Structures are given as structure tokens and as C-alpha cells.
Amino acid sequence: MTERVGWEDLPDDLRKAVEARTGPVLASGSVTSGFNCSVALVLHTHRAGRLFLKGVRTSDDAGVAGLRCEERINAAVGGIGPTIRYRFETTGWVCLAFAHIDGRHVDYGPGTRDLEAVARTLRRMHRLRTPRVPVPQLPDRFAGHLRPGEADALRGTHLLHTDTNPHNVLIDEGGHAHVIDWAMPALGPAWVDAAYTATWLMTFGQDPGEAMTWLSGIPSWQQANPPAVEAFVTATCSEFTASVGEAAAAASNSRFRHLLDALGS
């Protein structure tokens, strides 16, 4: 379980650095769900309003890399992901302060009314510009699980989030979907995030047929290259099986294989 550090438990130097930018912190609350980080706090500040403070110890190499990746691409995801307001690095911590999104986690379950909002945001994500900073290609994370030629099928210029689990999608009071935590982006075909999302619908109880019907309404999926989808499904299943074993991977792999059923629908 990821540790959670409260505002009062942070080093004095870090708290002073934050308040020098935001004014006094009037109240704070810990976010306990999601986020592979030690600091996940909603701060109510005197000058800057509400902020989400996300941070990791400098000794956490993977966490620091994720935060720095979020910082590099933040300008490219404006309006979809939250804007970074401040950056702090002091006393063994690296932190980013994001504009706070007042919303709830998306509902992917049967009968949900959130899917049109999610579809609208996915359509906007398809139009994101490629950042002018290095972002890995999607096939890079499937090294050793792709057959000859499949890596080329999964290369692309579209900025992908790659982890649209419900902790990373917030629905605001106006019914708009926001995608947060851009720590694992990749470049690849535009349909990939929609495909990942369809598998999350099944994870949370949607019938595979209903999930595939929803997916078939996403424009980028309608243009998906079948060999690329097959390479994506095969590599994803192979990688997960290698990671957790065949029995533990069976349910997830079954959900991904339903993507093949939706080709051409």
C-alpha cells in the first residue's frame, strides 16, 4: 500500500515553500484512492483557492520520473487534464500543485450515465497535439511481446493516456469528464485509449456486447487498423500473463480479446 503523508507531517521547508506561493493553507484533506504517490492532498489556500498537491520522495525514482513526465506534457493536455499551478522541490520531496477539479470518479458500471461524457473527452483527446518533448512510443512498453512488424503497426503520433481506470477519470458538476494522472503517456494510434476504456467497462460489470457497442461509436475506433488491434491485444495479454501468471491474467485477457470481436462492427 502506498504511504500517505498529511500536510502537517510534511517538512517545514516544504510547507513554507507552498505557502509562500499560495498564502496560508486554511485546510487540507488526504485523497486516499488511486495515485502512486506519497502526497495526495486537497489544499484550501488563502490566495490560490483549492489545489491538489501531488508529491513523492526524491528517493522514489519511478515516482519522480512520473511527476516530471506529467510536468513536461501538461501544456499539451490543457482542458482535459488539470493545469499545473506550482512546482516544488525541497527537503527530499518533489511536488506539483494542480488546479483542483471538483468532481467524482466516473461510473463505468451497468446503467451509468457517464459514458457520453467519457466519449466526448476521448474525442477531444484524439485531437491533442503531439508534445514537443520526448514521449515513448506505445510498442516500447511491449518489448519482447511483439512479433516482427507488429511494433510498426502500433506506432503513432497521437498522445495517449493509457490508464483510463475510474480513479483517473473525474466527472465535474457540469457533467464533463476530466482525465488526470498523465504519468504514463505514450504515442500511438488514436483508438488505444478508447479500447482501454472499453475493457474497464467490462471490468466494472458491463456486458461485453454493450461495451463493444459503446466502443463502436468512437470515431477513432471506426478507423482502427485490424492488424494493429490484433497486435495490441496479443501483446497486452502476453505481457500481463508473463507478469502475473496465466491463471491470474485470464479474466483481464478475456476482456481484451473481446476487442477483436468489435472489429468492423
C-alpha atoms as a PDB file:
ATOM      1  CA  MET A   1       0.000   0.000   0.000  1.00  0.00           C
ATOM      2  CA  THR A   2       1.304   3.448  -0.938  1.00  0.00           C
ATOM      3  CA  GLU A   3       2.095   5.602   2.090  1.00  0.00           C
ATOM      4  CA  ARG A   4       0.071   8.771   2.586  1.00  0.00           C
ATOM      5  CA  VAL A   5       1.670  11.779   4.251  1.00  0.00           C
ATOM      6  CA  GLY A   6      -0.572  14.502   5.667  1.00  0.00           C
ATOM      7  CA  TRP A   7       0.016  18.238   5.383  1.00  0.00           C
ATOM      8  CA  GLU A   8       1.156  18.616   8.988  1.00  0.00           C
ATOM      9  CA  ASP A   9       3.622  15.738   8.563  1.00  0.00           C
ATOM     10  CA  LEU A  10       5.460  17.340   5.650  1.00  0.00           C
ATOM     11  CA  PRO A  11       8.796  19.054   6.355  1.00  0.00           C
ATOM     12  CA  ASP A  12       8.557  22.674   7.463  1.00  0.00           C
ATOM     13  CA  ASP A  13      10.638  23.850   4.498  1.00  0.00           C
ATOM     14  CA  LEU A  14       8.213  22.283   2.029  1.00  0.00           C
ATOM     15  CA  ARG A  15       5.128  23.688   3.757  1.00  0.00           C
ATOM     16  CA  LYS A  16       6.709  27.137   3.879  1.00  0.00           C
ATOM     17  CA  ALA A  17       7.582  26.910   0.165  1.00  0.00           C
ATOM     18  CA  VAL A  18       3.979  26.055  -0.668  1.00  0.00           C
ATOM     19  CA  GLU A  19       2.502  28.821   1.462  1.00  0.00           C
ATOM     20  CA  ALA A  20       4.944  31.364   0.026  1.00  0.00           C
ATOM     21  CA  ARG A  21       3.178  30.812  -3.296  1.00  0.00           C
ATOM     22  CA  THR A  22      -0.388  30.131  -2.196  1.00  0.00           C
ATOM     23  CA  GLY A  23      -0.800  32.035   1.014  1.00  0.00           C
ATOM     24  CA  PRO A  24      -1.702  30.197   4.221  1.00  0.00           C
ATOM     25  CA  VAL A  25      -3.183  26.726   3.876  1.00  0.00           C
ATOM     26  CA  LEU A  26      -6.551  27.042   5.594  1.00  0.00           C
ATOM     27  CA  ALA A  27      -7.476  23.342   5.485  1.00  0.00           C
ATOM     28  CA  SER A  28      -6.227  20.121   3.947  1.00  0.00           C
ATOM     29  CA  GLY A  29      -7.604  16.702   3.195  1.00  0.00           C
ATOM     30  CA  SER A  30      -5.933  13.495   2.070  1.00  0.00           C
ATOM     31  CA  VAL A  31      -7.040  11.707  -1.098  1.00  0.00           C
ATOM     32  CA  THR A  32      -6.873   8.022  -0.264  1.00  0.00           C
ATOM     33  CA  SER A  33      -7.881   6.426  -3.569  1.00  0.00           C
ATOM     34  CA  GLY A  34      -5.593   5.903  -6.537  1.00  0.00           C
ATOM     35  CA  PHE A  35      -2.345   7.766  -7.109  1.00  0.00           C
ATOM     36  CA  ASN A  36       1.028   6.073  -6.776  1.00  0.00           C
ATOM     37  CA  CYS A  37       2.390   8.911  -4.689  1.00  0.00           C
ATOM     38  CA  SER A  38       3.024   9.622  -1.032  1.00  0.00           C
ATOM     39  CA  VAL A  39       1.460  13.098  -1.009  1.00  0.00           C
ATOM     40  CA  ALA A  40      -2.082  13.408  -2.379  1.00  0.00           C
ATOM     41  CA  LEU A  41      -3.723  16.376  -0.708  1.00  0.00           C
ATOM     42  CA  VAL A  42      -6.524  18.786  -1.444  1.00  0.00           C
ATOM     43  CA  LEU A  43      -5.381  22.137  -0.059  1.00  0.00           C
ATOM     44  CA  HIS A  44      -7.678  25.076   0.649  1.00  0.00           C
ATOM     45  CA  THR A  45      -5.412  28.122   0.372  1.00  0.00           C
ATOM     46  CA  HIS A  46      -5.830  31.819   1.092  1.00  0.00           C
ATOM     47  CA  ARG A  47      -4.669  33.177  -2.285  1.00  0.00           C
ATOM     48  CA  ALA A  48      -4.717  30.279  -4.744  1.00  0.00           C
ATOM     49  CA  GLY A  49      -8.032  28.694  -3.828  1.00  0.00           C
ATOM     50  CA  ARG A  50      -8.251  24.915  -3.882  1.00  0.00           C
ATOM     51  CA  LEU A  51      -5.288  22.936  -5.170  1.00  0.00           C
ATOM     52  CA  PHE A  52      -4.387  19.292  -5.488  1.00  0.00           C
ATOM     53  CA  LEU A  53      -0.866  18.711  -4.180  1.00  0.00           C
ATOM     54  CA  LYS A  54       0.772  15.560  -5.507  1.00  0.00           C
ATOM     55  CA  GLY A  55       4.262  14.568  -4.435  1.00  0.00           C
ATOM     56  CA  VAL A  56       6.831  11.835  -3.970  1.00  0.00           C
ATOM     57  CA  ARG A  57      10.092  11.470  -2.119  1.00  0.00           C
ATOM     58  CA  THR A  58      13.203  12.181  -4.197  1.00  0.00           C
ATOM     59  CA  SER A  59      14.341   8.635  -3.378  1.00  0.00           C
ATOM     60  CA  ASP A  60      11.344   7.273  -5.339  1.00  0.00           C
ATOM     61  CA  ASP A  61      12.916   7.167  -8.797  1.00  0.00           C
ATOM     62  CA  ALA A  62       9.801   5.879 -10.576  1.00  0.00           C
ATOM     63  CA  GLY A  63       7.563   8.390  -8.815  1.00  0.00           C
ATOM     64  CA  VAL A  64       9.847  11.309  -9.631  1.00  0.00           C
ATOM     65  CA  ALA A  65      10.004  10.207 -13.269  1.00  0.00           C
ATOM     66  CA  GLY A  66       6.212  10.078 -13.410  1.00  0.00           C
ATOM     67  CA  LEU A  67       5.815  13.569 -11.937  1.00  0.00           C
ATOM     68  CA  ARG A  68       8.384  15.028 -14.291  1.00  0.00           C
ATOM     69  CA  CYS A  69       6.624  13.399 -17.206  1.00  0.00           C
ATOM     70  CA  GLU A  70       3.317  14.949 -16.092  1.00  0.00           C
ATOM     71  CA  GLU A  71       5.033  18.315 -15.852  1.00  0.00           C
ATOM     72  CA  ARG A  72       6.565  18.078 -19.326  1.00  0.00           C
ATOM     73  CA  ILE A  73       3.321  17.265 -21.127  1.00  0.00           C
ATOM     74  CA  ASN A  74       0.931  19.349 -19.021  1.00  0.00           C
ATOM     75  CA  ALA A  75       0.651  22.125 -21.587  1.00  0.00           C
ATOM     76  CA  ALA A  76      -0.436  19.584 -24.209  1.00  0.00           C
ATOM     77  CA  VAL A  77      -3.404  18.272 -22.190  1.00  0.00           C
ATOM     78  CA  GLY A  78      -4.919  21.598 -21.189  1.00  0.00           C
ATOM     79  CA  GLY A  79      -8.687  21.462 -20.755  1.00  0.00           C
ATOM     80  CA  ILE A  80      -8.637  17.677 -20.382  1.00  0.00           C
ATOM     81  CA  GLY A  81      -6.180  17.239 -17.538  1.00  0.00           C
ATOM     82  CA  PRO A  82      -5.763  19.750 -14.675  1.00  0.00           C
ATOM     83  CA  THR A  83      -3.328  22.625 -15.097  1.00  0.00           C
ATOM     84  CA  ILE A  84      -0.154  22.636 -13.002  1.00  0.00           C
ATOM     85  CA  ARG A  85      -0.014  25.829 -10.968  1.00  0.00           C
ATOM     86  CA  TYR A  86       3.211  25.381  -8.993  1.00  0.00           C
ATOM     87  CA  ARG A  87       6.214  23.088  -8.693  1.00  0.00           C
ATOM     88  CA  PHE A  88       8.193  22.454  -5.518  1.00  0.00           C
ATOM     89  CA  GLU A  89      11.411  20.553  -4.859  1.00  0.00           C
ATOM     90  CA  THR A  90      12.863  20.807  -1.392  1.00  0.00           C
ATOM     91  CA  THR A  91      13.789  18.759   1.685  1.00  0.00           C
ATOM     92  CA  GLY A  92      13.687  15.379  -0.045  1.00  0.00           C
ATOM     93  CA  TRP A  93      10.391  15.905  -1.867  1.00  0.00           C
ATOM     94  CA  VAL A  94       9.209  16.726  -5.387  1.00  0.00           C
ATOM     95  CA  CYS A  95       5.635  18.059  -5.591  1.00  0.00           C
ATOM     96  CA  LEU A  96       3.276  19.505  -8.179  1.00  0.00           C
ATOM     97  CA  ALA A  97       0.282  21.660  -7.277  1.00  0.00           C
ATOM     98  CA  PHE A  98      -2.569  21.251  -9.773  1.00  0.00           C
ATOM     99  CA  ALA A  99      -5.703  23.313 -10.168  1.00  0.00           C
ATOM    100  CA  HIS A 100      -8.315  21.346  -8.237  1.00  0.00           C
ATOM    101  CA  ILE A 101     -11.094  19.605 -10.164  1.00  0.00           C
ATOM    102  CA  ASP A 102     -14.269  19.379  -8.121  1.00  0.00           C
ATOM    103  CA  GLY A 103     -15.724  16.091  -9.279  1.00  0.00           C
ATOM    104  CA  ARG A 104     -16.398  12.448  -8.584  1.00  0.00           C
ATOM    105  CA  HIS A 105     -14.855   9.334 -10.038  1.00  0.00           C
ATOM    106  CA  VAL A 106     -16.503   8.097 -13.208  1.00  0.00           C
ATOM    107  CA  ASP A 107     -19.077   5.303 -13.012  1.00  0.00           C
ATOM    108  CA  TYR A 108     -18.297   2.555 -15.520  1.00  0.00           C
ATOM    109  CA  GLY A 109     -20.933   0.155 -14.225  1.00  0.00           C
ATOM    110  CA  PRO A 110     -24.214  -1.018 -15.780  1.00  0.00           C
ATOM    111  CA  GLY A 111     -26.778   1.754 -16.129  1.00  0.00           C
ATOM    112  CA  THR A 112     -24.182   4.530 -15.869  1.00  0.00           C
ATOM    113  CA  ARG A 113     -24.989   7.911 -17.357  1.00  0.00           C
ATOM    114  CA  ASP A 114     -21.321   8.921 -17.653  1.00  0.00           C
ATOM    115  CA  LEU A 115     -20.353   7.263 -20.920  1.00  0.00           C
ATOM    116  CA  GLU A 116     -21.358  10.086 -23.252  1.00  0.00           C
ATOM    117  CA  ALA A 117     -19.192  12.468 -21.228  1.00  0.00           C
ATOM    118  CA  VAL A 118     -16.313   9.999 -21.442  1.00  0.00           C
ATOM    119  CA  ALA A 119     -16.824   9.628 -25.206  1.00  0.00           C
ATOM    120  CA  ARG A 120     -16.772  13.418 -25.669  1.00  0.00           C
ATOM    121  CA  THR A 121     -13.497  13.687 -23.791  1.00  0.00           C
ATOM    122  CA  LEU A 122     -11.965  10.811 -25.745  1.00  0.00           C
ATOM    123  CA  ARG A 123     -12.879  12.597 -28.969  1.00  0.00           C
ATOM    124  CA  ARG A 124     -11.095  15.694 -27.659  1.00  0.00           C
ATOM    125  CA  MET A 125      -8.082  13.604 -26.675  1.00  0.00           C
ATOM    126  CA  HIS A 126      -7.836  12.369 -30.266  1.00  0.00           C
ATOM    127  CA  ARG A 127      -7.132  15.969 -31.300  1.00  0.00           C
ATOM    128  CA  LEU A 128      -4.358  16.612 -28.780  1.00  0.00           C
ATOM    129  CA  ARG A 129      -1.166  17.894 -30.362  1.00  0.00           C
ATOM    130  CA  THR A 130       1.978  15.814 -30.045  1.00  0.00           C
ATOM    131  CA  PRO A 131       4.052  17.395 -27.244  1.00  0.00           C
ATOM    132  CA  ARG A 132       7.372  18.953 -28.154  1.00  0.00           C
ATOM    133  CA  VAL A 133       9.059  16.779 -25.550  1.00  0.00           C
ATOM    134  CA  PRO A 134      10.111  13.129 -25.705  1.00  0.00           C
ATOM    135  CA  VAL A 135       7.223  10.700 -25.190  1.00  0.00           C
ATOM    136  CA  PRO A 136       7.766   6.923 -25.630  1.00  0.00           C
ATOM    137  CA  GLN A 137       6.046   5.055 -28.418  1.00  0.00           C
ATOM    138  CA  LEU A 138       3.377   2.579 -27.280  1.00  0.00           C
ATOM    139  CA  PRO A 139       5.176  -0.522 -28.645  1.00  0.00           C
ATOM    140  CA  ASP A 140       8.190   0.309 -26.463  1.00  0.00           C
ATOM    141  CA  ARG A 141       6.311  -0.990 -23.406  1.00  0.00           C
ATOM    142  CA  PHE A 142       5.596  -4.308 -25.136  1.00  0.00           C
ATOM    143  CA  ALA A 143       9.232  -5.197 -25.803  1.00  0.00           C
ATOM    144  CA  GLY A 144       9.592  -8.960 -26.135  1.00  0.00           C
ATOM    145  CA  HIS A 145       5.854  -9.482 -26.689  1.00  0.00           C
ATOM    146  CA  LEU A 146       5.522  -8.331 -30.309  1.00  0.00           C
ATOM    147  CA  ARG A 147       6.052 -10.349 -33.456  1.00  0.00           C
ATOM    148  CA  PRO A 148       8.080  -8.952 -36.385  1.00  0.00           C
ATOM    149  CA  GLY A 149       6.310  -5.980 -37.926  1.00  0.00           C
ATOM    150  CA  GLU A 150       3.815  -5.502 -35.084  1.00  0.00           C
ATOM    151  CA  ALA A 151       5.767  -2.674 -33.462  1.00  0.00           C
ATOM    152  CA  ASP A 152       5.364  -0.575 -36.601  1.00  0.00           C
ATOM    153  CA  ALA A 153       1.585  -1.166 -36.533  1.00  0.00           C
ATOM    154  CA  LEU A 154       1.389   0.288 -33.011  1.00  0.00           C
ATOM    155  CA  ARG A 155       3.489   3.380 -33.645  1.00  0.00           C
ATOM    156  CA  GLY A 156       1.686   6.684 -33.997  1.00  0.00           C
ATOM    157  CA  THR A 157       1.599  10.405 -33.339  1.00  0.00           C
ATOM    158  CA  HIS A 158      -1.422  10.599 -31.042  1.00  0.00           C
ATOM    159  CA  LEU A 159      -0.834  11.396 -27.374  1.00  0.00           C
ATOM    160  CA  LEU A 160      -2.292   8.571 -25.269  1.00  0.00           C
ATOM    161  CA  HIS A 161      -3.037   8.439 -21.552  1.00  0.00           C
ATOM    162  CA  THR A 162      -3.030   4.590 -21.412  1.00  0.00           C
ATOM    163  CA  ASP A 163      -4.659   4.222 -17.970  1.00  0.00           C
ATOM    164  CA  THR A 164      -8.295   5.354 -18.007  1.00  0.00           C
ATOM    165  CA  ASN A 165      -9.219   3.432 -14.860  1.00  0.00           C
ATOM    166  CA  PRO A 166     -12.002   5.136 -12.840  1.00  0.00           C
ATOM    167  CA  HIS A 167      -9.549   6.707 -10.380  1.00  0.00           C
ATOM    168  CA  ASN A 168      -8.139   8.692 -13.318  1.00  0.00           C
ATOM    169  CA  VAL A 169     -11.417   9.997 -14.753  1.00  0.00           C
ATOM    170  CA  LEU A 170     -13.412  12.647 -12.888  1.00  0.00           C
ATOM    171  CA  ILE A 171     -16.907  13.888 -13.725  1.00  0.00           C
ATOM    172  CA  ASP A 172     -17.467  17.502 -12.683  1.00  0.00           C
ATOM    173  CA  GLU A 173     -20.728  19.146 -11.657  1.00  0.00           C
ATOM    174  CA  GLY A 174     -21.377  20.186 -15.243  1.00  0.00           C
ATOM    175  CA  GLY A 175     -21.155  16.574 -16.438  1.00  0.00           C
ATOM    176  CA  HIS A 176     -17.781  16.957 -18.155  1.00  0.00           C
ATOM    177  CA  ALA A 177     -15.138  14.227 -17.932  1.00  0.00           C
ATOM    178  CA  HIS A 178     -11.558  15.107 -16.999  1.00  0.00           C
ATOM    179  CA  VAL A 179      -8.623  12.697 -17.303  1.00  0.00           C
ATOM    180  CA  ILE A 180      -5.990  13.062 -14.590  1.00  0.00           C
ATOM    181  CA  ASP A 181      -2.619  11.480 -13.721  1.00  0.00           C
ATOM    182  CA  TRP A 182      -0.733  11.670 -17.029  1.00  0.00           C
ATOM    183  CA  ALA A 183       2.297   9.852 -15.619  1.00  0.00           C
ATOM    184  CA  MET A 184       2.382   7.034 -18.214  1.00  0.00           C
ATOM    185  CA  PRO A 185       1.686   8.650 -21.601  1.00  0.00           C
ATOM    186  CA  ALA A 186       2.669   7.169 -24.925  1.00  0.00           C
ATOM    187  CA  LEU A 187       2.397   7.953 -28.606  1.00  0.00           C
ATOM    188  CA  GLY A 188       0.375   5.550 -30.710  1.00  0.00           C
ATOM    189  CA  PRO A 189      -2.853   5.008 -32.664  1.00  0.00           C
ATOM    190  CA  ALA A 190      -5.730   7.296 -31.675  1.00  0.00           C
ATOM    191  CA  TRP A 191      -8.090   4.414 -30.762  1.00  0.00           C
ATOM    192  CA  VAL A 192      -5.970   2.963 -27.954  1.00  0.00           C
ATOM    193  CA  ASP A 193      -7.442   4.917 -25.017  1.00  0.00           C
ATOM    194  CA  ALA A 194     -10.971   4.092 -26.179  1.00  0.00           C
ATOM    195  CA  ALA A 195     -10.019   0.408 -26.342  1.00  0.00           C
ATOM    196  CA  TYR A 196      -8.571   0.504 -22.829  1.00  0.00           C
ATOM    197  CA  THR A 197     -11.741   2.220 -21.614  1.00  0.00           C
ATOM    198  CA  ALA A 198     -13.964  -0.464 -23.145  1.00  0.00           C
ATOM    199  CA  THR A 199     -12.098  -3.114 -21.159  1.00  0.00           C
ATOM    200  CA  TRP A 200     -12.656  -1.068 -17.984  1.00  0.00           C
ATOM    201  CA  LEU A 201     -16.389  -1.061 -18.719  1.00  0.00           C
ATOM    202  CA  MET A 202     -16.324  -4.856 -18.700  1.00  0.00           C
ATOM    203  CA  THR A 203     -14.196  -4.894 -15.546  1.00  0.00           C
ATOM    204  CA  PHE A 204     -16.956  -2.998 -13.750  1.00  0.00           C
ATOM    205  CA  GLY A 205     -19.787  -5.218 -14.884  1.00  0.00           C
ATOM    206  CA  GLN A 206     -20.787  -4.066 -18.343  1.00  0.00           C
ATOM    207  CA  ASP A 207     -21.807  -6.863 -20.688  1.00  0.00           C
ATOM    208  CA  PRO A 208     -19.099  -7.339 -23.364  1.00  0.00           C
ATOM    209  CA  GLY A 209     -21.647  -6.704 -26.109  1.00  0.00           C
ATOM    210  CA  GLU A 210     -22.685  -3.406 -24.525  1.00  0.00           C
ATOM    211  CA  ALA A 211     -19.073  -2.348 -24.058  1.00  0.00           C
ATOM    212  CA  MET A 212     -18.293  -3.132 -27.687  1.00  0.00           C
ATOM    213  CA  THR A 213     -21.406  -1.260 -28.855  1.00  0.00           C
ATOM    214  CA  TRP A 214     -20.192   1.792 -26.949  1.00  0.00           C
ATOM    215  CA  LEU A 215     -16.717   1.395 -28.427  1.00  0.00           C
ATOM    216  CA  SER A 216     -18.085   1.130 -31.964  1.00  0.00           C
ATOM    217  CA  GLY A 217     -19.457   4.683 -31.591  1.00  0.00           C
ATOM    218  CA  ILE A 218     -15.979   6.169 -31.059  1.00  0.00           C
ATOM    219  CA  PRO A 219     -14.745   7.664 -34.390  1.00  0.00           C
ATOM    220  CA  SER A 220     -11.112   6.643 -33.928  1.00  0.00           C
ATOM    221  CA  TRP A 221     -12.137   3.032 -33.311  1.00  0.00           C
ATOM    222  CA  GLN A 222     -14.158   3.049 -36.513  1.00  0.00           C
ATOM    223  CA  GLN A 223     -10.895   3.758 -38.348  1.00  0.00           C
ATOM    224  CA  ALA A 224      -8.752   1.284 -36.390  1.00  0.00           C
ATOM    225  CA  ASN A 225      -6.431  -0.936 -38.408  1.00  0.00           C
ATOM    226  CA  PRO A 226      -7.393  -4.578 -37.591  1.00  0.00           C
ATOM    227  CA  PRO A 227      -3.784  -5.893 -37.638  1.00  0.00           C
ATOM    228  CA  ALA A 228      -2.806  -3.126 -35.205  1.00  0.00           C
ATOM    229  CA  VAL A 229      -5.684  -4.021 -32.873  1.00  0.00           C
ATOM    230  CA  GLU A 230      -4.725  -7.679 -33.005  1.00  0.00           C
ATOM    231  CA  ALA A 231      -1.102  -6.789 -32.200  1.00  0.00           C
ATOM    232  CA  PHE A 232      -2.259  -4.627 -29.289  1.00  0.00           C
ATOM    233  CA  VAL A 233      -4.473  -7.350 -27.838  1.00  0.00           C
ATOM    234  CA  THR A 234      -1.909 -10.118 -28.290  1.00  0.00           C
ATOM    235  CA  ALA A 235       0.945  -8.092 -26.790  1.00  0.00           C
ATOM    236  CA  THR A 236      -1.168  -6.848 -23.873  1.00  0.00           C
ATOM    237  CA  CYS A 237      -2.288 -10.370 -22.988  1.00  0.00           C
ATOM    238  CA  SER A 238       1.212 -11.779 -23.381  1.00  0.00           C
ATOM    239  CA  GLU A 239       2.790  -9.100 -21.201  1.00  0.00           C
ATOM    240  CA  PHE A 240       0.183  -9.442 -18.432  1.00  0.00           C
ATOM    241  CA  THR A 241       0.428 -13.231 -18.441  1.00  0.00           C
ATOM    242  CA  ALA A 242       4.204 -13.017 -18.119  1.00  0.00           C
ATOM    243  CA  SER A 243       3.771 -10.590 -15.216  1.00  0.00           C
ATOM    244  CA  VAL A 244       1.153 -12.368 -13.074  1.00  0.00           C
ATOM    245  CA  GLY A 245       0.767 -15.859 -14.499  1.00  0.00           C
ATOM    246  CA  GLU A 246      -1.805 -17.450 -16.765  1.00  0.00           C
ATOM    247  CA  ALA A 247      -4.495 -18.068 -14.150  1.00  0.00           C
ATOM    248  CA  ALA A 248      -4.357 -14.552 -12.676  1.00  0.00           C
ATOM    249  CA  ALA A 249      -4.346 -12.965 -16.131  1.00  0.00           C
ATOM    250  CA  ALA A 250      -7.237 -14.991 -17.568  1.00  0.00           C
ATOM    251  CA  ALA A 251     -10.113 -12.612 -16.764  1.00  0.00           C
ATOM    252  CA  SER A 252      -8.306  -9.497 -17.965  1.00  0.00           C
ATOM    253  CA  ASN A 253      -7.066 -11.217 -21.108  1.00  0.00           C
ATOM    254  CA  SER A 254     -10.600 -12.353 -21.904  1.00  0.00           C
ATOM    255  CA  ARG A 255     -11.796  -8.756 -21.746  1.00  0.00           C
ATOM    256  CA  PHE A 256      -9.071  -7.597 -24.118  1.00  0.00           C
ATOM    257  CA  ARG A 257      -9.844 -10.394 -26.582  1.00  0.00           C
ATOM    258  CA  HIS A 258     -13.413  -9.051 -26.858  1.00  0.00           C
ATOM    259  CA  LEU A 259     -11.849  -6.096 -28.692  1.00  0.00           C
ATOM    260  CA  LEU A 260     -11.241  -8.420 -31.610  1.00  0.00           C
ATOM    261  CA  ASP A 261     -14.960  -9.194 -31.716  1.00  0.00           C
ATOM    262  CA  ALA A 262     -15.697  -5.484 -32.221  1.00  0.00           C
ATOM    263  CA  LEU A 263     -13.521  -5.059 -35.304  1.00  0.00           C
ATOM    264  CA  GLY A 264     -15.580  -3.977 -38.243  1.00  0.00           C
ATOM    265  CA  SER A 265     -18.782  -3.599 -36.193  1.00  0.00           C
END
